[in-house]
Amino acid sequence: MNAKLHTPLLDKVRIPADLRTLDAAALPQLASELRTELIDAVSHTGGHLGAGLGVVEL
């Protein structure tokens, strides 16, 4: 069983409008949490992560 990833900012985002409530200084942390989540998910399910990681960088 997997341990819960520590993603406090990502956990607050449910809809796109939630992103607008974040301070610009928090966006690098959010991007890091997204990368961590993507890598963790792909490591368990398989598949490709290049496109998803590219979107995080945008």
PDB file of N, CA and C in Angstrom:
ATOM      1  N   MET A   1       0.843  -1.181   0.000  1.00  0.00           N
ATOM      2  CA  MET A   1       0.000   0.000   0.000  1.00  0.00           C
ATOM      3  C   MET A   1       0.887   1.243   0.000  1.00  0.00           C
ATOM      4  N   ASN A   2       0.477   2.243  -0.758  1.00  0.00           N
ATOM      5  CA  ASN A   2       1.268   3.460  -0.904  1.00  0.00           C
ATOM      6  C   ASN A   2       1.011   4.427   0.236  1.00  0.00           C
ATOM      7  N   ALA A   3       2.081   5.133   0.614  1.00  0.00           N
ATOM      8  CA  ALA A   3       1.913   6.211   1.571  1.00  0.00           C
ATOM      9  C   ALA A   3       1.323   7.414   0.839  1.00  0.00           C
ATOM     10  N   LYS A   4       0.522   8.184   1.529  1.00  0.00           N
ATOM     11  CA  LYS A   4      -0.077   9.385   0.937  1.00  0.00           C
ATOM     12  C   LYS A   4       1.027  10.397   0.646  1.00  0.00           C
ATOM     13  N   LEU A   5       1.028  10.902  -0.574  1.00  0.00           N
ATOM     14  CA  LEU A   5       1.987  11.934  -0.931  1.00  0.00           C
ATOM     15  C   LEU A   5       1.633  13.232  -0.220  1.00  0.00           C
ATOM     16  N   HIS A   6       2.643  14.003   0.118  1.00  0.00           N
ATOM     17  CA  HIS A   6       2.423  15.300   0.766  1.00  0.00           C
ATOM     18  C   HIS A   6       2.251  16.353  -0.322  1.00  0.00           C
ATOM     19  N   THR A   7       1.002  16.690  -0.617  1.00  0.00           N
ATOM     20  CA  THR A   7       0.680  17.659  -1.672  1.00  0.00           C
ATOM     21  C   THR A   7      -0.381  18.637  -1.166  1.00  0.00           C
ATOM     22  N   PRO A   8      -0.009  19.504  -0.220  1.00  0.00           N
ATOM     23  CA  PRO A   8      -1.014  20.379   0.400  1.00  0.00           C
ATOM     24  C   PRO A   8      -1.665  21.363  -0.574  1.00  0.00           C
ATOM     25  N   LEU A   9      -0.913  21.923  -1.504  1.00  0.00           N
ATOM     26  CA  LEU A   9      -1.523  22.857  -2.451  1.00  0.00           C
ATOM     27  C   LEU A   9      -2.380  22.125  -3.468  1.00  0.00           C
ATOM     28  N   LEU A  10      -1.860  21.041  -4.006  1.00  0.00           N
ATOM     29  CA  LEU A  10      -2.604  20.273  -4.993  1.00  0.00           C
ATOM     30  C   LEU A  10      -3.914  19.749  -4.408  1.00  0.00           C
ATOM     31  N   ASP A  11      -3.912  19.412  -3.141  1.00  0.00           N
ATOM     32  CA  ASP A  11      -5.120  18.913  -2.490  1.00  0.00           C
ATOM     33  C   ASP A  11      -6.219  19.973  -2.418  1.00  0.00           C
ATOM     34  N   LYS A  12      -5.855  21.247  -2.507  1.00  0.00           N
ATOM     35  CA  LYS A  12      -6.829  22.333  -2.455  1.00  0.00           C
ATOM     36  C   LYS A  12      -7.478  22.600  -3.813  1.00  0.00           C
ATOM     37  N   VAL A  13      -6.884  22.080  -4.877  1.00  0.00           N
ATOM     38  CA  VAL A  13      -7.371  22.365  -6.232  1.00  0.00           C
ATOM     39  C   VAL A  13      -8.357  21.281  -6.658  1.00  0.00           C
ATOM     40  N   ARG A  14      -9.610  21.676  -6.859  1.00  0.00           N
ATOM     41  CA  ARG A  14     -10.646  20.749  -7.309  1.00  0.00           C
ATOM     42  C   ARG A  14     -11.161  21.136  -8.688  1.00  0.00           C
ATOM     43  N   ILE A  15     -11.212  22.444  -8.941  1.00  0.00           N
ATOM     44  CA  ILE A  15     -11.677  22.956 -10.229  1.00  0.00           C
ATOM     45  C   ILE A  15     -10.682  24.020 -10.694  1.00  0.00           C
ATOM     46  N   PRO A  16     -10.643  24.330 -11.984  1.00  0.00           N
ATOM     47  CA  PRO A  16      -9.679  25.324 -12.486  1.00  0.00           C
ATOM     48  C   PRO A  16      -9.736  26.668 -11.754  1.00  0.00           C
ATOM     49  N   ALA A  17     -10.911  27.086 -11.338  1.00  0.00           N
ATOM     50  CA  ALA A  17     -11.026  28.365 -10.632  1.00  0.00           C
ATOM     51  C   ALA A  17     -10.223  28.377  -9.333  1.00  0.00           C
ATOM     52  N   ASP A  18      -9.992  27.210  -8.738  1.00  0.00           N
ATOM     53  CA  ASP A  18      -9.198  27.128  -7.510  1.00  0.00           C
ATOM     54  C   ASP A  18      -7.764  27.591  -7.738  1.00  0.00           C
ATOM     55  N   LEU A  19      -7.267  27.430  -8.953  1.00  0.00           N
ATOM     56  CA  LEU A  19      -5.901  27.863  -9.256  1.00  0.00           C
ATOM     57  C   LEU A  19      -5.761  29.375  -9.115  1.00  0.00           C
ATOM     58  N   ARG A  20      -6.819  30.091  -9.438  1.00  0.00           N
ATOM     59  CA  ARG A  20      -6.779  31.551  -9.377  1.00  0.00           C
ATOM     60  C   ARG A  20      -6.699  32.074  -7.943  1.00  0.00           C
ATOM     61  N   THR A  21      -7.021  31.243  -6.984  1.00  0.00           N
ATOM     62  CA  THR A  21      -6.967  31.679  -5.585  1.00  0.00           C
ATOM     63  C   THR A  21      -5.566  31.565  -5.007  1.00  0.00           C
ATOM     64  N   LEU A  22      -4.668  30.887  -5.724  1.00  0.00           N
ATOM     65  CA  LEU A  22      -3.306  30.706  -5.232  1.00  0.00           C
ATOM     66  C   LEU A  22      -2.457  31.934  -5.525  1.00  0.00           C
ATOM     67  N   ASP A  23      -1.588  32.255  -4.608  1.00  0.00           N
ATOM     68  CA  ASP A  23      -0.633  33.333  -4.793  1.00  0.00           C
ATOM     69  C   ASP A  23       0.406  32.910  -5.830  1.00  0.00           C
ATOM     70  N   ALA A  24       0.887  33.839  -6.630  1.00  0.00           N
ATOM     71  CA  ALA A  24       1.872  33.522  -7.667  1.00  0.00           C
ATOM     72  C   ALA A  24       3.126  32.873  -7.075  1.00  0.00           C
ATOM     73  N   ALA A  25       3.485  33.237  -5.866  1.00  0.00           N
ATOM     74  CA  ALA A  25       4.666  32.657  -5.222  1.00  0.00           C
ATOM     75  C   ALA A  25       4.478  31.175  -4.900  1.00  0.00           C
ATOM     76  N   ALA A  26       3.237  30.713  -4.851  1.00  0.00           N
ATOM     77  CA  ALA A  26       2.945  29.309  -4.534  1.00  0.00           C
ATOM     78  C   ALA A  26       2.985  28.418  -5.770  1.00  0.00           C
ATOM     79  N   LEU A  27       3.002  29.008  -6.964  1.00  0.00           N
ATOM     80  CA  LEU A  27       2.934  28.204  -8.184  1.00  0.00           C
ATOM     81  C   LEU A  27       4.116  27.256  -8.382  1.00  0.00           C
ATOM     82  N   PRO A  28       5.369  27.647  -8.053  1.00  0.00           N
ATOM     83  CA  PRO A  28       6.456  26.665  -8.176  1.00  0.00           C
ATOM     84  C   PRO A  28       6.242  25.430  -7.285  1.00  0.00           C
ATOM     85  N   GLN A  29       5.715  25.642  -6.083  1.00  0.00           N
ATOM     86  CA  GLN A  29       5.427  24.502  -5.204  1.00  0.00           C
ATOM     87  C   GLN A  29       4.327  23.636  -5.798  1.00  0.00           C
ATOM     88  N   LEU A  30       3.297  24.269  -6.346  1.00  0.00           N
ATOM     89  CA  LEU A  30       2.209  23.519  -6.970  1.00  0.00           C
ATOM     90  C   LEU A  30       2.740  22.687  -8.130  1.00  0.00           C
ATOM     91  N   ALA A  31       3.596  23.271  -8.957  1.00  0.00           N
ATOM     92  CA  ALA A  31       4.180  22.538 -10.082  1.00  0.00           C
ATOM     93  C   ALA A  31       4.997  21.348  -9.586  1.00  0.00           C
ATOM     94  N   SER A  32       5.737  21.537  -8.515  1.00  0.00           N
ATOM     95  CA  SER A  32       6.515  20.435  -7.935  1.00  0.00           C
ATOM     96  C   SER A  32       5.603  19.323  -7.441  1.00  0.00           C
ATOM     97  N   GLU A  33       4.509  19.688  -6.804  1.00  0.00           N
ATOM     98  CA  GLU A  33       3.555  18.690  -6.321  1.00  0.00           C
ATOM     99  C   GLU A  33       2.901  17.948  -7.485  1.00  0.00           C
ATOM    100  N   LEU A  34       2.607  18.656  -8.559  1.00  0.00           N
ATOM    101  CA  LEU A  34       2.033  18.014  -9.748  1.00  0.00           C
ATOM    102  C   LEU A  34       3.017  17.014 -10.347  1.00  0.00           C
ATOM    103  N   ARG A  35       4.281  17.417 -10.459  1.00  0.00           N
ATOM    104  CA  ARG A  35       5.304  16.500 -10.983  1.00  0.00           C
ATOM    105  C   ARG A  35       5.380  15.238 -10.134  1.00  0.00           C
ATOM    106  N   THR A  36       5.420  15.424  -8.818  1.00  0.00           N
ATOM    107  CA  THR A  36       5.501  14.289  -7.896  1.00  0.00           C
ATOM    108  C   THR A  36       4.311  13.360  -8.068  1.00  0.00           C
ATOM    109  N   GLU A  37       3.123  13.936  -8.157  1.00  0.00           N
ATOM    110  CA  GLU A  37       1.898  13.145  -8.317  1.00  0.00           C
ATOM    111  C   GLU A  37       1.905  12.374  -9.644  1.00  0.00           C
ATOM    112  N   LEU A  38       2.312  13.050 -10.727  1.00  0.00           N
ATOM    113  CA  LEU A  38       2.360  12.393 -12.040  1.00  0.00           C
ATOM    114  C   LEU A  38       3.342  11.221 -12.047  1.00  0.00           C
ATOM    115  N   ILE A  39       4.519  11.460 -11.530  1.00  0.00           N
ATOM    116  CA  ILE A  39       5.546  10.412 -11.505  1.00  0.00           C
ATOM    117  C   ILE A  39       5.092   9.240 -10.657  1.00  0.00           C
ATOM    118  N   ASP A  40       4.475   9.519  -9.517  1.00  0.00           N
ATOM    119  CA  ASP A  40       3.981   8.453  -8.651  1.00  0.00           C
ATOM    120  C   ASP A  40       2.893   7.648  -9.358  1.00  0.00           C
ATOM    121  N   ALA A  41       1.953   8.331  -9.998  1.00  0.00           N
ATOM    122  CA  ALA A  41       0.858   7.636 -10.679  1.00  0.00           C
ATOM    123  C   ALA A  41       1.377   6.761 -11.811  1.00  0.00           C
ATOM    124  N   VAL A  42       2.276   7.277 -12.619  1.00  0.00           N
ATOM    125  CA  VAL A  42       2.804   6.512 -13.756  1.00  0.00           C
ATOM    126  C   VAL A  42       3.670   5.347 -13.274  1.00  0.00           C
ATOM    127  N   SER A  43       4.348   5.521 -12.148  1.00  0.00           N
ATOM    128  CA  SER A  43       5.180   4.425 -11.636  1.00  0.00           C
ATOM    129  C   SER A  43       4.328   3.242 -11.180  1.00  0.00           C
ATOM    130  N   HIS A  44       3.061   3.492 -10.844  1.00  0.00           N
ATOM    131  CA  HIS A  44       2.168   2.415 -10.411  1.00  0.00           C
ATOM    132  C   HIS A  44       1.330   1.840 -11.535  1.00  0.00           C
ATOM    133  N   THR A  45       0.953   2.686 -12.488  1.00  0.00           N
ATOM    134  CA  THR A  45       0.050   2.226 -13.536  1.00  0.00           C
ATOM    135  C   THR A  45       0.735   1.979 -14.869  1.00  0.00           C
ATOM    136  N   GLY A  46       1.927   2.515 -15.031  1.00  0.00           N
ATOM    137  CA  GLY A  46       2.616   2.418 -16.308  1.00  0.00           C
ATOM    138  C   GLY A  46       2.117   3.498 -17.248  1.00  0.00           C
ATOM    139  N   GLY A  47       2.757   3.612 -18.367  1.00  0.00           N
ATOM    140  CA  GLY A  47       2.340   4.602 -19.346  1.00  0.00           C
ATOM    141  C   GLY A  47       3.405   5.644 -19.574  1.00  0.00           C
ATOM    142  N   HIS A  48       2.995   6.710 -20.217  1.00  0.00           N
ATOM    143  CA  HIS A  48       3.926   7.775 -20.583  1.00  0.00           C
ATOM    144  C   HIS A  48       3.653   9.016 -19.741  1.00  0.00           C
ATOM    145  N   LEU A  49       4.710   9.706 -19.373  1.00  0.00           N
ATOM    146  CA  LEU A  49       4.522  10.893 -18.571  1.00  0.00           C
ATOM    147  C   LEU A  49       5.102  12.144 -19.204  1.00  0.00           C
ATOM    148  N   GLY A  50       5.751  12.021 -20.339  1.00  0.00           N
ATOM    149  CA  GLY A  50       6.391  13.177 -20.978  1.00  0.00           C
ATOM    150  C   GLY A  50       5.425  14.307 -21.266  1.00  0.00           C
ATOM    151  N   ALA A  51       4.288  13.997 -21.850  1.00  0.00           N
ATOM    152  CA  ALA A  51       3.325  15.045 -22.195  1.00  0.00           C
ATOM    153  C   ALA A  51       2.781  15.710 -20.941  1.00  0.00           C
ATOM    154  N   GLY A  52       2.470  14.922 -19.929  1.00  0.00           N
ATOM    155  CA  GLY A  52       1.957  15.482 -18.680  1.00  0.00           C
ATOM    156  C   GLY A  52       2.968  16.384 -17.998  1.00  0.00           C
ATOM    157  N   LEU A  53       4.229  15.968 -17.972  1.00  0.00           N
ATOM    158  CA  LEU A  53       5.261  16.804 -17.382  1.00  0.00           C
ATOM    159  C   LEU A  53       5.462  18.079 -18.191  1.00  0.00           C
ATOM    160  N   GLY A  54       5.330  17.982 -19.507  1.00  0.00           N
ATOM    161  CA  GLY A  54       5.437  19.167 -20.349  1.00  0.00           C
ATOM    162  C   GLY A  54       4.351  20.173 -20.038  1.00  0.00           C
ATOM    163  N   VAL A  55       3.150  19.699 -19.789  1.00  0.00           N
ATOM    164  CA  VAL A  55       2.041  20.602 -19.453  1.00  0.00           C
ATOM    165  C   VAL A  55       2.298  21.284 -18.125  1.00  0.00           C
ATOM    166  N   VAL A  56       2.859  20.573 -17.160  1.00  0.00           N
ATOM    167  CA  VAL A  56       3.182  21.188 -15.871  1.00  0.00           C
ATOM    168  C   VAL A  56       4.142  22.348 -16.082  1.00  0.00           C
ATOM    169  N   GLU A  57       5.100  22.199 -16.975  1.00  0.00           N
ATOM    170  CA  GLU A  57       6.074  23.256 -17.215  1.00  0.00           C
ATOM    171  C   GLU A  57       5.453  24.471 -17.890  1.00  0.00           C
ATOM    172  N   LEU A  58       4.382  24.270 -18.642  1.00  0.00           N
ATOM    173  CA  LEU A  58       3.708  25.409 -19.277  1.00  0.00           C
ATOM    174  C   LEU A  58       3.114  26.306 -18.217  1.00  0.00           C
TER     175      LEU A  58
END
